[in-house]
Amino acid sequence: MGIFIWTEAFNCGEILNPMLSSYIKHHSHPIHIFGSKEDFREVTIKSDLIIFENLRKKTKFFSISEYKVLNGYKKGHEGTAILWEHIINSRNERILIHLDSDTIFLNDVVTDLVYAIQDEGYHIAGSRRAYKHRNYRREGRDGQKLDLRPDCVNTDCFAFTKEYFRKYPRFWLKRKILGKRVSLKPVVDFFDPITFEIIKNGGRIKFMDSPDQGISSIINHESEFMKNRISFAAVGSGCNFYKNGSDGIPNGYSNFALSSYSLYSSYLLHKDIGIPHLNNQSLLSKIKKLDQTNWTLTEAQI
């Protein structure tokens, strides 16, 4: 039973070093890195577990344009959706695992994800993305419809199989990955239409942080699954915006991404980019306890 693990870091290769250093400290499975040659030059971590994927090289059955992916990132997350559609339709492994490139690993997360799919018989597994108990988009008809939908999973650290959703037509798969509405029912975020398709077609979902809380609950940040890593948000986007600008991107998201990248850059890349840090005291507390050699948390404060 094959396992394919990947992350992507287009226009933000410099953020990979902490992620990869912590990954190889706690894992034994290879991880595939998608980016440009310029991004790969930023990586100084050396390991047989790190496999760089060059999209300029055509595969036997599918080809994908690096230019198209990079151009997609000018429109937000469309570049990621183009890449994921390519991965889904070109890889033969049964278990696909995605890890965000701005994640810091404090322990092994892959073994539990593989066990959920391979041994427990689930078809998608990750931390809970709340629908009924979300704190946004509460008003109007869409708000009411969202309340009726079961929870999905976050895509920063998750596993899935391909048996229970359609892969064609490819443009429609890309739309589903992107998290665009594909029916009268609204969705919250990236990949959710595929999650709903998996559930509709009989696939099983496991909420790794809260497996006993039913189809509607809230994320359990005190679970082992969540405590095994430090999860940032939008650091890659922030790095891209810092270098290339954010024309056409909503100001709210671009400002959040830039402040998140600033925090990550200051503490993990040891570089001040001159932008105020994201104000997240819980995240900052963990970072200050981070041993960046052994990639564990200590009680000593920096």
Protein backbone atom coordinates (compact mmCIF):
# COMPACT_ATOMS: atom_id res chain seq x y z
CA MET A 1 0.00 0.00 0.00
CA GLY A 2 1.80 3.12 -1.23
CA ILE A 3 2.07 6.36 0.71
CA PHE A 4 2.79 9.73 -0.92
CA ILE A 5 3.59 12.68 1.35
CA TRP A 6 4.02 16.18 -0.04
CA THR A 7 4.26 19.86 0.67
CA GLU A 8 4.54 22.88 -1.62
CA ALA A 9 6.60 26.06 -1.29
CA PHE A 10 6.34 28.07 -4.51
CA ASN A 11 7.76 31.57 -4.06
CA CYS A 12 8.56 30.80 -0.41
CA GLY A 13 11.38 28.25 -0.39
CA GLU A 14 13.15 29.92 2.56
CA ILE A 15 10.43 28.82 5.00
CA LEU A 16 11.18 25.14 4.31
CA ASN A 17 14.34 24.74 6.40
CA PRO A 18 12.67 24.71 9.85
CA MET A 19 9.80 22.55 8.57
CA LEU A 20 12.07 19.97 6.95
CA SER A 21 14.55 19.91 9.83
CA SER A 22 11.74 19.15 12.28
CA TYR A 23 10.13 16.66 9.88
CA ILE A 24 13.21 14.47 9.43
CA LYS A 25 13.84 14.57 13.18
CA HIS A 26 10.55 12.80 13.88
CA HIS A 27 9.70 10.82 10.72
CA SER A 28 11.03 8.03 8.53
CA HIS A 29 8.80 8.45 5.44
CA PRO A 30 10.07 10.44 2.43
CA ILE A 31 8.48 13.82 1.78
CA HIS A 32 8.14 15.31 -1.71
CA ILE A 33 8.75 19.05 -2.06
CA PHE A 34 7.09 20.97 -4.89
CA GLY A 35 8.59 24.32 -5.78
CA SER A 36 10.75 26.08 -8.33
CA LYS A 37 14.52 25.76 -8.73
CA GLU A 38 14.80 29.14 -7.03
CA ASP A 39 12.87 27.80 -4.04
CA PHE A 40 15.01 24.66 -3.85
CA ARG A 41 18.18 26.77 -3.69
CA GLU A 42 16.95 28.12 -0.35
CA VAL A 43 16.90 24.65 1.24
CA THR A 44 20.03 23.82 3.21
CA ILE A 45 18.70 20.71 4.98
CA LYS A 46 20.15 17.51 3.52
CA SER A 47 18.43 14.13 3.87
CA ASP A 48 17.55 11.10 1.78
CA LEU A 49 13.97 11.65 2.99
CA ILE A 50 13.69 14.93 1.06
CA ILE A 51 12.69 14.54 -2.59
CA PHE A 52 12.50 17.64 -4.78
CA GLU A 53 9.85 17.59 -7.51
CA ASN A 54 10.59 19.64 -10.61
CA LEU A 55 7.41 20.46 -12.52
CA ARG A 56 9.37 21.46 -15.60
CA LYS A 57 9.96 17.76 -16.24
CA LYS A 58 7.08 16.11 -18.11
CA THR A 59 5.67 12.83 -16.81
CA LYS A 60 4.56 9.98 -19.02
CA PHE A 61 0.83 10.57 -18.74
CA PHE A 62 0.48 14.08 -17.36
CA SER A 63 2.40 17.29 -17.78
CA ILE A 64 1.97 20.39 -15.68
CA SER A 65 3.30 23.84 -16.35
CA GLU A 66 5.34 25.43 -13.59
CA TYR A 67 4.38 28.74 -15.15
CA LYS A 68 0.69 27.87 -14.79
CA VAL A 69 1.14 27.01 -11.11
CA LEU A 70 3.12 30.18 -10.39
CA ASN A 71 0.58 32.26 -12.28
CA GLY A 72 -2.17 30.63 -10.22
CA TYR A 73 -0.59 31.93 -7.03
CA LYS A 74 -1.14 35.46 -8.29
CA LYS A 75 -4.86 34.73 -7.80
CA GLY A 76 -4.53 33.34 -4.26
CA HIS A 77 -4.64 29.61 -3.75
CA GLU A 78 -5.40 28.62 -7.34
CA GLY A 79 -1.79 27.54 -7.81
CA THR A 80 -2.17 25.05 -4.96
CA ALA A 81 -5.36 23.65 -6.50
CA ILE A 82 -3.63 23.20 -9.88
CA LEU A 83 -0.80 21.32 -8.18
CA TRP A 84 -3.09 19.09 -6.09
CA GLU A 85 -5.18 18.16 -9.12
CA HIS A 86 -1.98 17.08 -10.84
CA ILE A 87 -0.88 15.02 -7.82
CA ILE A 88 -4.24 13.28 -7.48
CA ASN A 89 -4.32 12.33 -11.15
CA SER A 90 -0.67 11.36 -11.51
CA ARG A 91 0.23 9.45 -8.35
CA ASN A 92 -0.57 5.77 -7.95
CA GLU A 93 -0.14 5.53 -4.18
CA ARG A 94 -3.34 4.79 -2.27
CA ILE A 95 -2.67 7.06 0.72
CA LEU A 96 -1.98 10.73 0.00
CA ILE A 97 -0.78 12.93 2.87
CA HIS A 98 -0.41 16.70 2.70
CA LEU A 99 1.63 18.72 5.20
CA ASP A 100 1.79 22.51 5.18
CA SER A 101 5.24 23.96 4.61
CA ASP A 102 4.94 26.29 7.62
CA THR A 103 4.41 23.44 10.10
CA ILE A 104 6.90 22.66 12.87
CA PHE A 105 6.82 19.00 13.94
CA LEU A 106 7.32 18.11 17.59
CA ASN A 107 6.62 14.41 17.12
CA ASP A 108 5.55 11.88 14.50
CA VAL A 109 2.18 12.73 12.91
CA VAL A 110 2.40 10.54 9.81
CA THR A 111 2.16 7.18 11.61
CA ASP A 112 -1.21 8.06 13.16
CA LEU A 113 -2.59 9.31 9.84
CA VAL A 114 -1.47 6.16 8.03
CA TYR A 115 -2.94 3.98 10.78
CA ALA A 116 -6.30 5.75 10.49
CA ILE A 117 -6.48 4.98 6.76
CA GLN A 118 -4.67 1.66 6.51
CA ASP A 119 -5.72 -0.10 9.71
CA GLU A 120 -8.93 1.61 10.82
CA GLY A 121 -10.45 1.86 7.36
CA TYR A 122 -11.06 5.60 7.12
CA HIS A 123 -10.86 7.46 3.80
CA ILE A 124 -10.00 10.95 5.00
CA ALA A 125 -8.40 11.95 8.30
CA GLY A 126 -7.25 15.22 9.82
CA SER A 127 -8.10 17.78 12.49
CA ARG A 128 -11.68 18.97 12.68
CA ARG A 129 -12.89 21.94 10.63
CA ALA A 130 -16.06 23.04 12.39
CA TYR A 131 -19.20 23.83 10.43
CA LYS A 132 -22.09 24.09 12.90
CA HIS A 133 -19.85 25.53 15.62
CA ARG A 134 -17.84 27.93 13.45
CA ASN A 135 -17.56 31.61 14.49
CA TYR A 136 -17.95 33.22 11.05
CA ARG A 137 -20.54 33.38 8.21
CA ARG A 138 -23.34 33.04 10.71
CA GLU A 139 -25.94 35.19 8.97
CA GLY A 140 -28.26 34.72 5.98
CA ARG A 141 -29.31 31.64 4.05
CA ASP A 142 -25.76 30.40 3.59
CA GLY A 143 -25.25 30.59 7.34
CA GLN A 144 -28.32 28.45 7.93
CA LYS A 145 -27.25 25.91 5.31
CA LEU A 146 -23.72 25.71 6.71
CA ASP A 147 -25.18 24.93 10.14
CA LEU A 148 -26.75 21.79 8.69
CA ARG A 149 -23.56 20.37 7.17
CA PRO A 150 -21.21 17.98 9.00
CA ASP A 151 -17.68 19.02 9.87
CA CYS A 152 -14.79 18.64 7.42
CA VAL A 153 -11.04 18.36 8.05
CA ASN A 154 -8.29 20.96 7.92
CA THR A 155 -5.81 20.47 5.11
CA ASP A 156 -2.63 21.56 6.90
CA CYS A 157 -1.95 17.99 8.06
CA PHE A 158 -4.27 15.34 6.63
CA ALA A 159 -4.52 12.07 4.73
CA PHE A 160 -7.01 10.79 2.18
CA THR A 161 -7.64 8.16 -0.46
CA LYS A 162 -9.12 8.59 -3.93
CA GLU A 163 -11.80 5.88 -4.06
CA TYR A 164 -14.81 7.98 -3.14
CA PHE A 165 -14.62 11.08 -5.31
CA ARG A 166 -14.51 11.75 -9.05
CA LYS A 167 -11.23 12.85 -10.58
CA TYR A 168 -12.68 14.08 -13.88
CA PRO A 169 -13.24 16.42 -15.55
CA ARG A 170 -9.98 17.88 -14.30
CA PHE A 171 -11.19 21.49 -14.24
CA TRP A 172 -14.07 20.42 -11.98
CA LEU A 173 -11.72 18.54 -9.66
CA LYS A 174 -9.60 21.69 -9.40
CA ARG A 175 -12.71 23.68 -8.50
CA LYS A 176 -13.57 21.19 -5.76
CA ILE A 177 -10.03 21.29 -4.38
CA LEU A 178 -10.12 25.09 -4.38
CA GLY A 179 -13.19 24.98 -2.16
CA LYS A 180 -15.58 26.61 -4.60
CA ARG A 181 -19.27 25.80 -4.40
CA VAL A 182 -20.23 22.89 -6.67
CA SER A 183 -23.91 22.66 -5.68
CA LEU A 184 -26.59 24.76 -4.01
CA LYS A 185 -24.99 23.91 -0.67
CA PRO A 186 -22.28 26.33 0.53
CA VAL A 187 -18.84 25.27 1.75
CA VAL A 188 -16.32 26.84 4.09
CA ASP A 189 -12.86 26.23 2.72
CA PHE A 190 -10.27 24.44 0.58
CA PHE A 191 -10.98 20.76 -0.27
CA ASP A 192 -14.36 20.72 1.55
CA PRO A 193 -16.38 19.80 -1.58
CA ILE A 194 -14.23 16.67 -1.94
CA THR A 195 -14.68 15.80 1.73
CA PHE A 196 -18.46 16.06 1.32
CA GLU A 197 -18.29 13.90 -1.82
CA ILE A 198 -16.31 11.25 0.06
CA ILE A 199 -18.91 11.21 2.86
CA LYS A 200 -21.83 11.16 0.39
CA ASN A 201 -20.37 8.17 -1.46
CA GLY A 202 -19.86 6.08 1.66
CA GLY A 203 -16.33 7.04 2.66
CA ARG A 204 -15.46 7.38 6.34
CA ILE A 205 -13.99 10.48 7.98
CA LYS A 206 -11.83 10.53 11.12
CA PHE A 207 -11.33 13.67 13.17
CA MET A 208 -7.87 13.01 14.54
CA ASP A 209 -8.18 15.55 17.34
CA SER A 210 -11.70 14.61 18.47
CA PRO A 211 -12.73 11.20 17.09
CA ASP A 212 -15.47 10.65 19.68
CA GLN A 213 -17.25 13.99 19.29
CA GLY A 214 -19.58 13.11 16.42
CA ILE A 215 -20.08 14.96 13.15
CA SER A 216 -20.38 18.44 14.70
CA SER A 217 -18.06 19.76 17.38
CA ILE A 218 -15.02 21.99 17.86
CA ILE A 219 -11.32 21.30 17.39
CA ASN A 220 -9.54 19.88 20.43
CA HIS A 221 -6.27 21.77 20.69
CA GLU A 222 -5.26 19.68 23.72
CA SER A 223 -5.27 16.41 21.76
CA GLU A 224 -2.00 14.63 21.04
CA PHE A 225 -2.56 15.11 17.31
CA MET A 226 -2.60 18.88 17.73
CA LYS A 227 0.18 19.04 20.33
CA ASN A 228 2.53 17.05 18.08
CA ARG A 229 3.17 20.12 15.94
CA ILE A 230 3.14 23.90 15.89
CA SER A 231 0.79 25.09 13.17
CA PHE A 232 1.18 28.51 11.66
CA ALA A 233 -1.16 29.92 9.02
CA ALA A 234 -0.55 31.70 5.72
CA VAL A 235 3.23 31.99 6.23
CA GLY A 236 3.90 30.83 2.67
CA SER A 237 1.41 33.34 1.31
CA GLY A 238 2.95 36.07 3.44
CA CYS A 239 6.43 35.26 2.16
CA ASN A 240 5.13 35.37 -1.42
CA PHE A 241 3.34 38.70 -0.81
CA TYR A 242 6.46 40.15 0.84
CA LYS A 243 8.58 39.36 -2.22
CA ASN A 244 6.06 39.81 -5.04
CA GLY A 245 3.30 42.06 -3.74
CA SER A 246 -0.36 41.19 -3.17
CA ASP A 247 -2.26 42.95 -5.94
CA GLY A 248 -5.77 41.54 -6.29
CA ILE A 249 -5.67 39.84 -2.88
CA PRO A 250 -8.12 41.08 -0.19
CA ASN A 251 -6.32 43.38 2.26
CA GLY A 252 -7.56 41.46 5.29
CA TYR A 253 -5.92 38.24 4.14
CA SER A 254 -2.73 39.83 2.81
CA ASN A 255 -2.17 41.77 6.06
CA PHE A 256 -2.76 38.65 8.13
CA ALA A 257 -0.40 36.61 5.95
CA LEU A 258 2.34 39.24 6.12
CA SER A 259 2.11 39.48 9.92
CA SER A 260 2.18 35.68 10.19
CA TYR A 261 5.26 35.50 7.97
CA SER A 262 6.88 38.24 10.06
CA LEU A 263 6.43 36.19 13.24
CA TYR A 264 7.73 33.02 11.56
CA SER A 265 10.66 34.87 10.00
CA SER A 266 11.72 36.52 13.24
CA TYR A 267 11.74 33.41 15.42
CA LEU A 268 12.49 30.58 12.99
CA LEU A 269 14.46 32.23 10.17
CA HIS A 270 16.04 34.78 12.53
CA LYS A 271 15.33 37.59 10.10
CA ASP A 272 13.43 40.82 10.82
CA ILE A 273 11.35 41.87 7.81
CA GLY A 274 10.18 45.13 9.36
CA ILE A 275 6.50 44.22 9.61
CA PRO A 276 4.63 43.89 12.95
CA HIS A 277 4.28 40.31 14.15
CA LEU A 278 0.99 38.46 14.25
CA ASN A 279 -0.54 38.97 17.69
CA ASN A 280 -1.08 35.36 18.77
CA GLN A 281 0.08 34.83 22.35
CA SER A 282 -0.63 31.09 22.39
CA LEU A 283 1.49 30.56 19.28
CA LEU A 284 4.23 32.86 20.58
CA SER A 285 4.37 30.97 23.87
CA LYS A 286 5.07 27.71 22.04
CA ILE A 287 7.70 29.29 19.80
CA LYS A 288 9.56 30.65 22.82
CA LYS A 289 9.74 27.13 24.27
CA LEU A 290 10.95 25.57 21.03
CA ASP A 291 14.27 23.74 21.04
CA GLN A 292 15.33 24.25 17.42
CA THR A 293 17.93 21.49 17.55
CA ASN A 294 15.84 18.61 18.90
CA TRP A 295 12.51 20.13 17.77
CA THR A 296 10.74 19.67 21.06
CA LEU A 297 9.22 22.07 23.55
CA THR A 298 11.14 22.89 26.72
CA GLU A 299 10.12 24.77 29.83
CA ALA A 300 12.97 27.22 29.42
CA GLN A 301 11.86 30.59 28.11
CA ILE A 302 13.90 32.49 25.54
